[in-house]
Each structure stands twice: as C-alpha cells, then as structure tokens.
Amino acid sequence: MEILASRMLLRPADYERSLSFYRDALGLAIAREYSGGTVFYAGQSLIELAGHGATAHAGGPFPTSLWLQVRDLYATQKGLADRGVEIAREARREPWGLHEMHISDPDGTTLIFVQVPDDHPLRRDTRD
C-alpha cells in the first residue's frame, strides 16, 4: 500500500459555526471549497469540514483531537486569545519536553497546539 496524501475529516454538528471557527478564529488558509465542504491547510496536512454525511453519532465512540505544530506557541496563544478564542489549557512545557496548549472547536474536538523546542528529540536525526 502506498499512501499519497491524508487529511483529517470532520463532520461538525453545525457546519457554518465550525467554518467560522477554523477560517476566522484560527485563521487557517483555505485549500479548496466545494459544494458542502471546505478544506483547510494545516501544515503538512489538511483539515476538511464536511457539511454532509454526518451520522447520528458524529463524534463516534472515540474522542478526536488534532495535533498542530506551530513555531511560537506563546505567540499563537496570545493571537488566539486576542481573537476571542477560549484557551482550554494554557501553554506549558510537558514532562516529555514539548510545549502544548489546548483549545476546543465548536463540537468539542480538542486542538493541541505544540511547539517543539530546539533540544527535543523530534528535532534530531536518529539515523546511524
């Protein structure tokens, strides 16, 4: 199997509310729009909001979260707060060395914003 691309597909309870959140509150750039949906750039990935095909259990049995790496977490937190986005958990350094902050989208999906410090193993080439 060869995977050529991937994206996170969300089926929000209120499409217009979530569209406003991802487009306006978060300020994500639109990759493309189609009848009933919008795809946003999210670093090396894509986030697609689909206004169609939602099931009775849209959230499913497992909680969903998005992991979004940013260059400056503390500036990101300030920018989001300045736009009125509620910060669910303030930015802080975690025991595993990453700096993380949490917010929630209108459907309760957790967005984990992450800054990888220069000295973190994720920034090192572990090949021999």
C-alpha atoms as a PDB file:
ATOM      1  CA  MET A   1       0.000   0.000   0.000  1.00  0.00           C
ATOM      2  CA  GLU A   2       1.205   3.485  -0.878  1.00  0.00           C
ATOM      3  CA  ILE A   3      -0.420   6.460   0.826  1.00  0.00           C
ATOM      4  CA  LEU A   4      -0.146   9.564  -1.331  1.00  0.00           C
ATOM      5  CA  ALA A   5      -1.946  12.094   0.879  1.00  0.00           C
ATOM      6  CA  SER A   6      -4.003  12.312   4.030  1.00  0.00           C
ATOM      7  CA  ARG A   7      -6.310  14.676   5.847  1.00  0.00           C
ATOM      8  CA  MET A   8      -8.455  14.845   8.959  1.00  0.00           C
ATOM      9  CA  LEU A   9     -12.149  14.770   8.007  1.00  0.00           C
ATOM     10  CA  LEU A  10     -14.549  16.405  10.466  1.00  0.00           C
ATOM     11  CA  ARG A  11     -18.341  16.284  10.214  1.00  0.00           C
ATOM     12  CA  PRO A  12     -19.397  19.125  12.524  1.00  0.00           C
ATOM     13  CA  ALA A  13     -22.817  19.395  14.148  1.00  0.00           C
ATOM     14  CA  ASP A  14     -23.100  22.970  12.799  1.00  0.00           C
ATOM     15  CA  TYR A  15     -21.092  23.403   9.592  1.00  0.00           C
ATOM     16  CA  GLU A  16     -21.318  27.222   9.432  1.00  0.00           C
ATOM     17  CA  ARG A  17     -20.259  27.611  13.084  1.00  0.00           C
ATOM     18  CA  SER A  18     -17.238  25.339  12.555  1.00  0.00           C
ATOM     19  CA  LEU A  19     -16.374  27.026   9.247  1.00  0.00           C
ATOM     20  CA  SER A  20     -16.255  30.370  11.038  1.00  0.00           C
ATOM     21  CA  PHE A  21     -14.104  28.877  13.823  1.00  0.00           C
ATOM     22  CA  TYR A  22     -11.459  27.305  11.560  1.00  0.00           C
ATOM     23  CA  ARG A  23     -11.460  30.102   8.959  1.00  0.00           C
ATOM     24  CA  ASP A  24     -11.934  33.217  11.101  1.00  0.00           C
ATOM     25  CA  ALA A  25     -10.976  32.399  14.700  1.00  0.00           C
ATOM     26  CA  LEU A  26      -7.998  30.164  13.837  1.00  0.00           C
ATOM     27  CA  GLY A  27      -7.215  31.938  10.574  1.00  0.00           C
ATOM     28  CA  LEU A  28      -6.443  28.764   8.582  1.00  0.00           C
ATOM     29  CA  ALA A  29      -5.958  29.229   4.842  1.00  0.00           C
ATOM     30  CA  ILE A  30      -8.466  27.552   2.539  1.00  0.00           C
ATOM     31  CA  ALA A  31      -7.006  24.884   0.251  1.00  0.00           C
ATOM     32  CA  ARG A  32     -10.260  24.391  -1.656  1.00  0.00           C
ATOM     33  CA  GLU A  33     -14.012  24.728  -1.333  1.00  0.00           C
ATOM     34  CA  TYR A  34     -16.697  22.500  -2.788  1.00  0.00           C
ATOM     35  CA  SER A  35     -20.445  22.252  -2.513  1.00  0.00           C
ATOM     36  CA  GLY A  36     -20.952  21.255   1.113  1.00  0.00           C
ATOM     37  CA  GLY A  37     -17.373  21.400   2.322  1.00  0.00           C
ATOM     38  CA  THR A  38     -14.174  23.332   2.893  1.00  0.00           C
ATOM     39  CA  VAL A  39     -10.605  22.024   3.062  1.00  0.00           C
ATOM     40  CA  PHE A  40      -8.014  23.978   5.078  1.00  0.00           C
ATOM     41  CA  TYR A  41      -4.234  23.877   5.007  1.00  0.00           C
ATOM     42  CA  ALA A  42      -2.817  22.703   8.336  1.00  0.00           C
ATOM     43  CA  GLY A  43       0.945  22.479   7.959  1.00  0.00           C
ATOM     44  CA  GLN A  44       1.789  19.310   6.035  1.00  0.00           C
ATOM     45  CA  SER A  45      -1.755  18.057   6.462  1.00  0.00           C
ATOM     46  CA  LEU A  46      -5.264  19.135   5.593  1.00  0.00           C
ATOM     47  CA  ILE A  47      -8.423  19.566   7.667  1.00  0.00           C
ATOM     48  CA  GLU A  48     -11.680  19.043   5.799  1.00  0.00           C
ATOM     49  CA  LEU A  49     -15.024  20.212   7.165  1.00  0.00           C
ATOM     50  CA  ALA A  50     -17.809  18.261   5.505  1.00  0.00           C
ATOM     51  CA  GLY A  51     -21.301  19.639   5.750  1.00  0.00           C
ATOM     52  CA  HIS A  52     -22.763  16.349   4.553  1.00  0.00           C
ATOM     53  CA  GLY A  53     -22.889  12.713   5.590  1.00  0.00           C
ATOM     54  CA  ALA A  54     -22.976  13.196   9.370  1.00  0.00           C
ATOM     55  CA  THR A  55     -24.209  10.190  11.321  1.00  0.00           C
ATOM     56  CA  ALA A  56     -26.336  10.185  14.460  1.00  0.00           C
ATOM     57  CA  HIS A  57     -23.111   9.672  16.411  1.00  0.00           C
ATOM     58  CA  ALA A  58     -20.932  12.242  14.642  1.00  0.00           C
ATOM     59  CA  GLY A  59     -18.245  12.139  17.338  1.00  0.00           C
ATOM     60  CA  GLY A  60     -18.046   8.355  17.298  1.00  0.00           C
ATOM     61  CA  PRO A  61     -17.045   6.265  20.264  1.00  0.00           C
ATOM     62  CA  PHE A  62     -13.505   7.667  20.443  1.00  0.00           C
ATOM     63  CA  PRO A  63     -12.590  11.298  21.142  1.00  0.00           C
ATOM     64  CA  THR A  64     -10.846  13.103  18.317  1.00  0.00           C
ATOM     65  CA  SER A  65      -8.020  15.571  18.618  1.00  0.00           C
ATOM     66  CA  LEU A  66      -5.850  17.447  16.163  1.00  0.00           C
ATOM     67  CA  TRP A  67      -2.123  17.917  16.804  1.00  0.00           C
ATOM     68  CA  LEU A  68      -0.958  21.192  15.232  1.00  0.00           C
ATOM     69  CA  GLN A  69       2.707  22.187  15.406  1.00  0.00           C
ATOM     70  CA  VAL A  70       3.466  25.921  15.469  1.00  0.00           C
ATOM     71  CA  ARG A  71       6.726  27.891  15.561  1.00  0.00           C
ATOM     72  CA  ASP A  72       5.886  30.020  18.615  1.00  0.00           C
ATOM     73  CA  LEU A  73       3.243  28.541  20.895  1.00  0.00           C
ATOM     74  CA  TYR A  74       3.090  31.514  23.244  1.00  0.00           C
ATOM     75  CA  ALA A  75       2.555  33.995  20.388  1.00  0.00           C
ATOM     76  CA  THR A  76      -0.093  31.632  18.978  1.00  0.00           C
ATOM     77  CA  GLN A  77      -1.858  31.536  22.329  1.00  0.00           C
ATOM     78  CA  LYS A  78      -1.857  35.330  22.559  1.00  0.00           C
ATOM     79  CA  GLY A  79      -3.143  35.688  18.990  1.00  0.00           C
ATOM     80  CA  LEU A  80      -5.983  33.231  19.589  1.00  0.00           C
ATOM     81  CA  ALA A  81      -6.936  34.855  22.889  1.00  0.00           C
ATOM     82  CA  ASP A  82      -6.873  38.282  21.202  1.00  0.00           C
ATOM     83  CA  ARG A  83      -9.404  36.915  18.670  1.00  0.00           C
ATOM     84  CA  GLY A  84     -11.672  35.728  21.467  1.00  0.00           C
ATOM     85  CA  VAL A  85     -10.811  32.015  21.301  1.00  0.00           C
ATOM     86  CA  GLU A  86     -11.168  30.386  24.713  1.00  0.00           C
ATOM     87  CA  ILE A  87      -7.965  28.656  25.824  1.00  0.00           C
ATOM     88  CA  ALA A  88      -8.971  25.342  27.427  1.00  0.00           C
ATOM     89  CA  ARG A  89      -5.469  24.707  28.796  1.00  0.00           C
ATOM     90  CA  GLU A  90      -2.743  27.339  28.862  1.00  0.00           C
ATOM     91  CA  ALA A  91       0.581  26.751  27.111  1.00  0.00           C
ATOM     92  CA  ARG A  92       3.167  24.945  29.199  1.00  0.00           C
ATOM     93  CA  ARG A  93       6.157  22.635  28.904  1.00  0.00           C
ATOM     94  CA  GLU A  94       5.142  18.998  29.294  1.00  0.00           C
ATOM     95  CA  PRO A  95       7.217  16.309  31.076  1.00  0.00           C
ATOM     96  CA  TRP A  96       8.021  14.842  27.621  1.00  0.00           C
ATOM     97  CA  GLY A  97       9.636  18.139  26.594  1.00  0.00           C
ATOM     98  CA  LEU A  98       7.061  19.609  24.207  1.00  0.00           C
ATOM     99  CA  HIS A  99       5.249  22.873  24.855  1.00  0.00           C
ATOM    100  CA  GLU A 100       1.488  22.357  24.449  1.00  0.00           C
ATOM    101  CA  MET A 101      -1.740  24.367  24.634  1.00  0.00           C
ATOM    102  CA  HIS A 102      -5.317  23.117  24.172  1.00  0.00           C
ATOM    103  CA  ILE A 103      -8.428  24.712  22.717  1.00  0.00           C
ATOM    104  CA  SER A 104     -11.717  23.132  21.640  1.00  0.00           C
ATOM    105  CA  ASP A 105     -13.626  23.613  18.414  1.00  0.00           C
ATOM    106  CA  PRO A 106     -17.405  24.179  18.488  1.00  0.00           C
ATOM    107  CA  ASP A 107     -18.086  20.398  18.563  1.00  0.00           C
ATOM    108  CA  GLY A 108     -15.663  19.745  21.425  1.00  0.00           C
ATOM    109  CA  THR A 109     -12.782  18.423  19.313  1.00  0.00           C
ATOM    110  CA  THR A 110      -9.539  19.144  21.134  1.00  0.00           C
ATOM    111  CA  LEU A 111      -6.914  21.055  19.160  1.00  0.00           C
ATOM    112  CA  ILE A 112      -3.477  20.549  20.680  1.00  0.00           C
ATOM    113  CA  PHE A 113      -1.062  23.272  19.590  1.00  0.00           C
ATOM    114  CA  VAL A 114       2.550  22.157  20.001  1.00  0.00           C
ATOM    115  CA  GLN A 115       5.942  23.844  19.904  1.00  0.00           C
ATOM    116  CA  VAL A 116       8.955  21.546  19.581  1.00  0.00           C
ATOM    117  CA  PRO A 117      11.963  23.062  21.396  1.00  0.00           C
ATOM    118  CA  ASP A 118      15.345  23.078  19.657  1.00  0.00           C
ATOM    119  CA  ASP A 119      16.731  20.481  22.100  1.00  0.00           C
ATOM    120  CA  HIS A 120      13.846  17.999  21.731  1.00  0.00           C
ATOM    121  CA  PRO A 121      14.488  14.520  20.218  1.00  0.00           C
ATOM    122  CA  LEU A 122      11.935  15.246  17.459  1.00  0.00           C
ATOM    123  CA  ARG A 123      14.469  17.739  16.085  1.00  0.00           C
ATOM    124  CA  ARG A 124      17.355  15.242  15.996  1.00  0.00           C
ATOM    125  CA  ASP A 125      18.344  12.867  13.232  1.00  0.00           C
ATOM    126  CA  THR A 126      18.233   9.461  14.933  1.00  0.00           C
ATOM    127  CA  ARG A 127      19.670   7.540  11.975  1.00  0.00           C
ATOM    128  CA  ASP A 128      23.070   5.926  12.431  1.00  0.00           C
END
